[in-house]
Amino acid sequence: MQARADVFKALADPTRRAILSMLMDGERSVATIASEFPVSRPAISKHLKLLKGAHLVIEYQEGRNRLYHINPRPLREVDVWLAEFRVMWQSKLHNLKNFLESENKERR
């Protein structure tokens, strides 16, 4: 449960979501990531540290560069958990649609 909380905490910030979106296109160095944002490199490093702590990114060293790439596994786990809610809401919306349609027919 704590792992899921860490993922949600990481996803709560728009900068971190933007970093994840950027990494969907491939790995990036800290410098490359930081160049895309109007905040300091240390601020981006803090965001990356939180993403790494939530296991949403994987960091590795290549020469003098730290490279990051996305780890989709925690997102899949959250998606599986959210699927239960999707099913519930689809069912409720379907029932609401049926109710409204029957009310509409009765008024005619």
N, C-alpha and C. Protein backbone atom coordinates (compact mmCIF):
# COMPACT_ATOMS: atom_id res chain seq x y z
N MET A 1 0.82 -1.19 0.00
CA MET A 1 0.00 0.00 0.00
C MET A 1 0.87 1.26 0.00
N GLN A 2 1.98 1.24 0.72
CA GLN A 2 2.88 2.40 0.75
C GLN A 2 3.44 2.69 -0.63
N ALA A 3 3.75 1.63 -1.38
CA ALA A 3 4.28 1.82 -2.73
C ALA A 3 3.28 2.57 -3.60
N ARG A 4 2.00 2.22 -3.49
CA ARG A 4 0.96 2.90 -4.27
C ARG A 4 0.87 4.36 -3.83
N ALA A 5 0.97 4.61 -2.53
CA ALA A 5 0.91 5.99 -2.01
C ALA A 5 2.08 6.79 -2.57
N ASP A 6 3.26 6.19 -2.64
CA ASP A 6 4.42 6.87 -3.20
C ASP A 6 4.20 7.22 -4.66
N VAL A 7 3.58 6.32 -5.40
CA VAL A 7 3.30 6.58 -6.82
C VAL A 7 2.33 7.74 -6.96
N PHE A 8 1.26 7.73 -6.16
CA PHE A 8 0.29 8.83 -6.24
C PHE A 8 0.92 10.16 -5.82
N LYS A 9 1.77 10.12 -4.80
CA LYS A 9 2.46 11.35 -4.38
C LYS A 9 3.34 11.86 -5.52
N ALA A 10 4.03 10.97 -6.18
CA ALA A 10 4.90 11.37 -7.28
C ALA A 10 4.08 11.94 -8.44
N LEU A 11 2.94 11.33 -8.73
CA LEU A 11 2.11 11.77 -9.85
C LEU A 11 1.33 13.03 -9.55
N ALA A 12 1.27 13.43 -8.29
CA ALA A 12 0.48 14.60 -7.91
C ALA A 12 1.07 15.91 -8.44
N ASP A 13 2.34 15.91 -8.75
CA ASP A 13 3.00 17.14 -9.18
C ASP A 13 3.06 17.23 -10.71
N PRO A 14 2.65 18.36 -11.28
CA PRO A 14 2.65 18.48 -12.75
C PRO A 14 4.05 18.41 -13.37
N THR A 15 5.06 18.88 -12.66
CA THR A 15 6.42 18.79 -13.20
C THR A 15 6.86 17.34 -13.30
N ARG A 16 6.56 16.55 -12.28
CA ARG A 16 6.93 15.14 -12.32
C ARG A 16 6.16 14.40 -13.40
N ARG A 17 4.88 14.75 -13.58
CA ARG A 17 4.12 14.12 -14.67
C ARG A 17 4.72 14.49 -16.02
N ALA A 18 5.16 15.73 -16.16
CA ALA A 18 5.79 16.16 -17.42
C ALA A 18 7.10 15.43 -17.64
N ILE A 19 7.86 15.20 -16.59
CA ILE A 19 9.11 14.45 -16.71
C ILE A 19 8.81 13.03 -17.19
N LEU A 20 7.81 12.39 -16.59
CA LEU A 20 7.44 11.03 -17.02
C LEU A 20 7.01 11.02 -18.48
N SER A 21 6.24 12.01 -18.88
CA SER A 21 5.82 12.09 -20.29
C SER A 21 7.02 12.22 -21.20
N MET A 22 7.98 13.02 -20.80
CA MET A 22 9.21 13.21 -21.58
C MET A 22 9.97 11.89 -21.69
N LEU A 23 10.02 11.14 -20.60
CA LEU A 23 10.76 9.88 -20.59
C LEU A 23 10.06 8.78 -21.37
N MET A 24 8.79 8.96 -21.69
CA MET A 24 8.09 7.98 -22.52
C MET A 24 8.70 7.92 -23.92
N ASP A 25 9.35 9.02 -24.33
CA ASP A 25 10.00 9.06 -25.64
C ASP A 25 11.41 8.49 -25.61
N GLY A 26 11.90 8.14 -24.44
CA GLY A 26 13.25 7.56 -24.34
C GLY A 26 14.01 8.15 -23.17
N GLU A 27 15.13 7.53 -22.87
CA GLU A 27 15.93 7.97 -21.72
C GLU A 27 16.49 9.37 -21.96
N ARG A 28 16.75 10.05 -20.84
CA ARG A 28 17.27 11.42 -20.88
C ARG A 28 18.26 11.61 -19.74
N SER A 29 19.19 12.52 -19.95
CA SER A 29 20.10 12.91 -18.88
C SER A 29 19.42 13.97 -18.02
N VAL A 30 19.96 14.19 -16.84
CA VAL A 30 19.43 15.22 -15.96
C VAL A 30 19.48 16.57 -16.66
N ALA A 31 20.60 16.86 -17.33
CA ALA A 31 20.76 18.14 -18.01
C ALA A 31 19.71 18.34 -19.09
N THR A 32 19.43 17.28 -19.85
CA THR A 32 18.43 17.37 -20.91
C THR A 32 17.04 17.59 -20.32
N ILE A 33 16.74 16.89 -19.25
CA ILE A 33 15.44 17.06 -18.60
C ILE A 33 15.33 18.48 -18.06
N ALA A 34 16.35 18.92 -17.34
CA ALA A 34 16.32 20.25 -16.73
C ALA A 34 16.18 21.36 -17.76
N SER A 35 16.74 21.16 -18.94
CA SER A 35 16.68 22.21 -19.96
C SER A 35 15.25 22.48 -20.45
N GLU A 36 14.34 21.57 -20.18
CA GLU A 36 12.95 21.70 -20.62
C GLU A 36 12.05 22.43 -19.61
N PHE A 37 12.61 22.80 -18.46
CA PHE A 37 11.79 23.38 -17.39
C PHE A 37 12.38 24.71 -16.93
N PRO A 38 11.50 25.62 -16.48
CA PRO A 38 11.97 26.92 -16.02
C PRO A 38 12.40 26.92 -14.55
N VAL A 39 12.84 25.79 -14.06
CA VAL A 39 13.32 25.69 -12.68
C VAL A 39 14.77 25.24 -12.69
N SER A 40 15.40 25.33 -11.54
CA SER A 40 16.83 25.00 -11.46
C SER A 40 17.08 23.50 -11.63
N ARG A 41 18.30 23.19 -11.97
CA ARG A 41 18.68 21.78 -12.10
C ARG A 41 18.54 21.05 -10.76
N PRO A 42 18.94 21.68 -9.62
CA PRO A 42 18.72 21.00 -8.34
C PRO A 42 17.24 20.70 -8.06
N ALA A 43 16.35 21.58 -8.52
CA ALA A 43 14.91 21.32 -8.33
C ALA A 43 14.49 20.09 -9.14
N ILE A 44 15.00 19.99 -10.37
CA ILE A 44 14.68 18.83 -11.21
C ILE A 44 15.27 17.57 -10.58
N SER A 45 16.47 17.68 -10.02
CA SER A 45 17.08 16.53 -9.35
C SER A 45 16.22 16.04 -8.18
N LYS A 46 15.59 16.98 -7.46
CA LYS A 46 14.70 16.59 -6.36
C LYS A 46 13.47 15.85 -6.90
N HIS A 47 12.93 16.35 -8.01
CA HIS A 47 11.79 15.67 -8.62
C HIS A 47 12.19 14.26 -9.06
N LEU A 48 13.36 14.14 -9.66
CA LEU A 48 13.83 12.82 -10.12
C LEU A 48 14.07 11.88 -8.94
N LYS A 49 14.56 12.43 -7.84
CA LYS A 49 14.78 11.60 -6.66
C LYS A 49 13.45 11.04 -6.15
N LEU A 50 12.41 11.87 -6.14
CA LEU A 50 11.11 11.40 -5.70
C LEU A 50 10.54 10.36 -6.66
N LEU A 51 10.70 10.60 -7.97
CA LEU A 51 10.25 9.62 -8.96
C LEU A 51 11.01 8.31 -8.82
N LYS A 52 12.29 8.41 -8.54
CA LYS A 52 13.11 7.21 -8.34
C LYS A 52 12.66 6.46 -7.09
N GLY A 53 12.36 7.21 -6.01
CA GLY A 53 11.88 6.60 -4.77
C GLY A 53 10.57 5.87 -4.94
N ALA A 54 9.74 6.34 -5.87
CA ALA A 54 8.46 5.69 -6.17
C ALA A 54 8.63 4.61 -7.23
N HIS A 55 9.87 4.37 -7.65
CA HIS A 55 10.21 3.35 -8.66
C HIS A 55 9.59 3.64 -10.03
N LEU A 56 9.29 4.92 -10.29
CA LEU A 56 8.72 5.30 -11.58
C LEU A 56 9.79 5.55 -12.63
N VAL A 57 11.01 5.82 -12.16
CA VAL A 57 12.14 5.97 -13.07
C VAL A 57 13.30 5.12 -12.57
N ILE A 58 14.13 4.76 -13.51
CA ILE A 58 15.35 4.02 -13.19
C ILE A 58 16.52 4.90 -13.60
N GLU A 59 17.47 5.02 -12.71
CA GLU A 59 18.64 5.86 -12.94
C GLU A 59 19.86 4.97 -13.13
N TYR A 60 20.69 5.35 -14.08
CA TYR A 60 21.97 4.67 -14.20
C TYR A 60 23.02 5.65 -14.71
N GLN A 61 24.25 5.31 -14.43
CA GLN A 61 25.37 6.17 -14.77
C GLN A 61 25.99 5.70 -16.09
N GLU A 62 26.23 6.64 -16.97
CA GLU A 62 26.94 6.35 -18.21
C GLU A 62 28.01 7.44 -18.37
N GLY A 63 29.23 7.07 -18.05
CA GLY A 63 30.30 8.07 -18.04
C GLY A 63 30.04 9.08 -16.94
N ARG A 64 30.01 10.34 -17.32
CA ARG A 64 29.75 11.40 -16.34
C ARG A 64 28.27 11.74 -16.22
N ASN A 65 27.47 11.13 -17.04
CA ASN A 65 26.03 11.46 -17.06
C ASN A 65 25.20 10.47 -16.26
N ARG A 66 24.19 11.01 -15.61
CA ARG A 66 23.16 10.18 -14.99
C ARG A 66 22.00 10.19 -15.97
N LEU A 67 21.61 9.01 -16.38
CA LEU A 67 20.51 8.87 -17.32
C LEU A 67 19.30 8.26 -16.62
N TYR A 68 18.13 8.68 -17.07
CA TYR A 68 16.88 8.20 -16.48
C TYR A 68 15.99 7.64 -17.58
N HIS A 69 15.32 6.57 -17.25
CA HIS A 69 14.28 6.06 -18.14
C HIS A 69 13.10 5.63 -17.29
N ILE A 70 11.94 5.60 -17.93
CA ILE A 70 10.70 5.33 -17.21
C ILE A 70 10.61 3.83 -16.87
N ASN A 71 10.02 3.57 -15.72
CA ASN A 71 9.72 2.20 -15.29
C ASN A 71 8.20 2.09 -15.24
N PRO A 72 7.57 1.44 -16.20
CA PRO A 72 6.11 1.42 -16.26
C PRO A 72 5.43 0.49 -15.24
N ARG A 73 6.18 -0.38 -14.59
CA ARG A 73 5.56 -1.37 -13.70
C ARG A 73 4.67 -0.74 -12.62
N PRO A 74 5.13 0.29 -11.87
CA PRO A 74 4.24 0.87 -10.86
C PRO A 74 2.97 1.48 -11.46
N LEU A 75 3.08 2.02 -12.66
CA LEU A 75 1.89 2.59 -13.32
C LEU A 75 0.91 1.48 -13.70
N ARG A 76 1.43 0.34 -14.12
CA ARG A 76 0.56 -0.80 -14.43
C ARG A 76 -0.18 -1.27 -13.19
N GLU A 77 0.54 -1.32 -12.06
CA GLU A 77 -0.08 -1.75 -10.80
C GLU A 77 -1.19 -0.80 -10.39
N VAL A 78 -0.99 0.50 -10.56
CA VAL A 78 -2.03 1.48 -10.25
C VAL A 78 -3.19 1.32 -11.23
N ASP A 79 -2.88 1.08 -12.49
CA ASP A 79 -3.93 0.89 -13.49
C ASP A 79 -4.80 -0.32 -13.16
N VAL A 80 -4.20 -1.40 -12.71
CA VAL A 80 -4.96 -2.59 -12.32
C VAL A 80 -5.88 -2.25 -11.15
N TRP A 81 -5.37 -1.51 -10.18
CA TRP A 81 -6.17 -1.11 -9.03
C TRP A 81 -7.32 -0.21 -9.47
N LEU A 82 -7.04 0.75 -10.36
CA LEU A 82 -8.07 1.66 -10.85
C LEU A 82 -9.11 0.96 -11.72
N ALA A 83 -8.74 -0.14 -12.33
CA ALA A 83 -9.68 -0.88 -13.20
C ALA A 83 -10.92 -1.30 -12.43
N GLU A 84 -10.75 -1.64 -11.17
CA GLU A 84 -11.90 -2.02 -10.33
C GLU A 84 -12.89 -0.86 -10.25
N PHE A 85 -12.38 0.35 -10.12
CA PHE A 85 -13.24 1.51 -10.03
C PHE A 85 -13.88 1.85 -11.38
N ARG A 86 -13.14 1.64 -12.46
CA ARG A 86 -13.69 1.86 -13.79
C ARG A 86 -14.91 0.97 -14.02
N VAL A 87 -14.78 -0.29 -13.65
CA VAL A 87 -15.88 -1.24 -13.82
C VAL A 87 -17.08 -0.77 -13.01
N MET A 88 -16.84 -0.38 -11.77
CA MET A 88 -17.93 0.07 -10.91
C MET A 88 -18.62 1.30 -11.52
N TRP A 89 -17.85 2.28 -11.95
CA TRP A 89 -18.45 3.51 -12.49
C TRP A 89 -19.15 3.26 -13.81
N GLN A 90 -18.60 2.40 -14.64
CA GLN A 90 -19.28 2.08 -15.90
C GLN A 90 -20.64 1.46 -15.63
N SER A 91 -20.69 0.59 -14.66
CA SER A 91 -21.95 -0.06 -14.29
C SER A 91 -22.94 0.98 -13.76
N LYS A 92 -22.47 1.86 -12.89
CA LYS A 92 -23.35 2.88 -12.32
C LYS A 92 -23.83 3.85 -13.41
N LEU A 93 -22.96 4.22 -14.32
CA LEU A 93 -23.37 5.12 -15.39
C LEU A 93 -24.35 4.44 -16.34
N HIS A 94 -24.14 3.16 -16.58
CA HIS A 94 -25.07 2.40 -17.41
C HIS A 94 -26.45 2.36 -16.75
N ASN A 95 -26.48 2.11 -15.44
CA ASN A 95 -27.75 2.09 -14.70
C ASN A 95 -28.42 3.46 -14.72
N LEU A 96 -27.64 4.51 -14.57
CA LEU A 96 -28.18 5.86 -14.62
C LEU A 96 -28.77 6.17 -16.00
N LYS A 97 -28.06 5.78 -17.04
CA LYS A 97 -28.55 5.97 -18.41
C LYS A 97 -29.90 5.27 -18.59
N ASN A 98 -29.97 4.01 -18.16
CA ASN A 98 -31.22 3.25 -18.27
C ASN A 98 -32.35 3.91 -17.50
N PHE A 99 -32.05 4.38 -16.30
CA PHE A 99 -33.06 5.05 -15.49
C PHE A 99 -33.56 6.32 -16.18
N LEU A 100 -32.66 7.13 -16.67
CA LEU A 100 -33.05 8.38 -17.34
C LEU A 100 -33.84 8.11 -18.61
N GLU A 101 -33.45 7.10 -19.34
CA GLU A 101 -34.20 6.75 -20.56
C GLU A 101 -35.61 6.27 -20.22
N SER A 102 -35.74 5.50 -19.15
CA SER A 102 -37.06 5.01 -18.77
C SER A 102 -37.93 6.17 -18.25
N GLU A 103 -37.34 7.10 -17.53
CA GLU A 103 -38.07 8.29 -17.07
C GLU A 103 -38.54 9.11 -18.26
N ASN A 104 -37.69 9.23 -19.25
CA ASN A 104 -38.02 10.00 -20.45
C ASN A 104 -39.18 9.35 -21.21
N LYS A 105 -39.19 8.02 -21.29
CA LYS A 105 -40.28 7.30 -21.99
C LYS A 105 -41.59 7.45 -21.23
N GLU A 106 -41.54 7.45 -19.90
CA GLU A 106 -42.74 7.58 -19.10
C GLU A 106 -43.39 8.96 -19.25
N ARG A 107 -42.61 9.97 -19.50
CA ARG A 107 -43.11 11.34 -19.63
C ARG A 107 -43.78 11.58 -20.98
N ARG A 108 -43.50 10.75 -21.94
CA ARG A 108 -44.08 10.95 -23.28
C ARG A 108 -45.47 10.53 -23.34
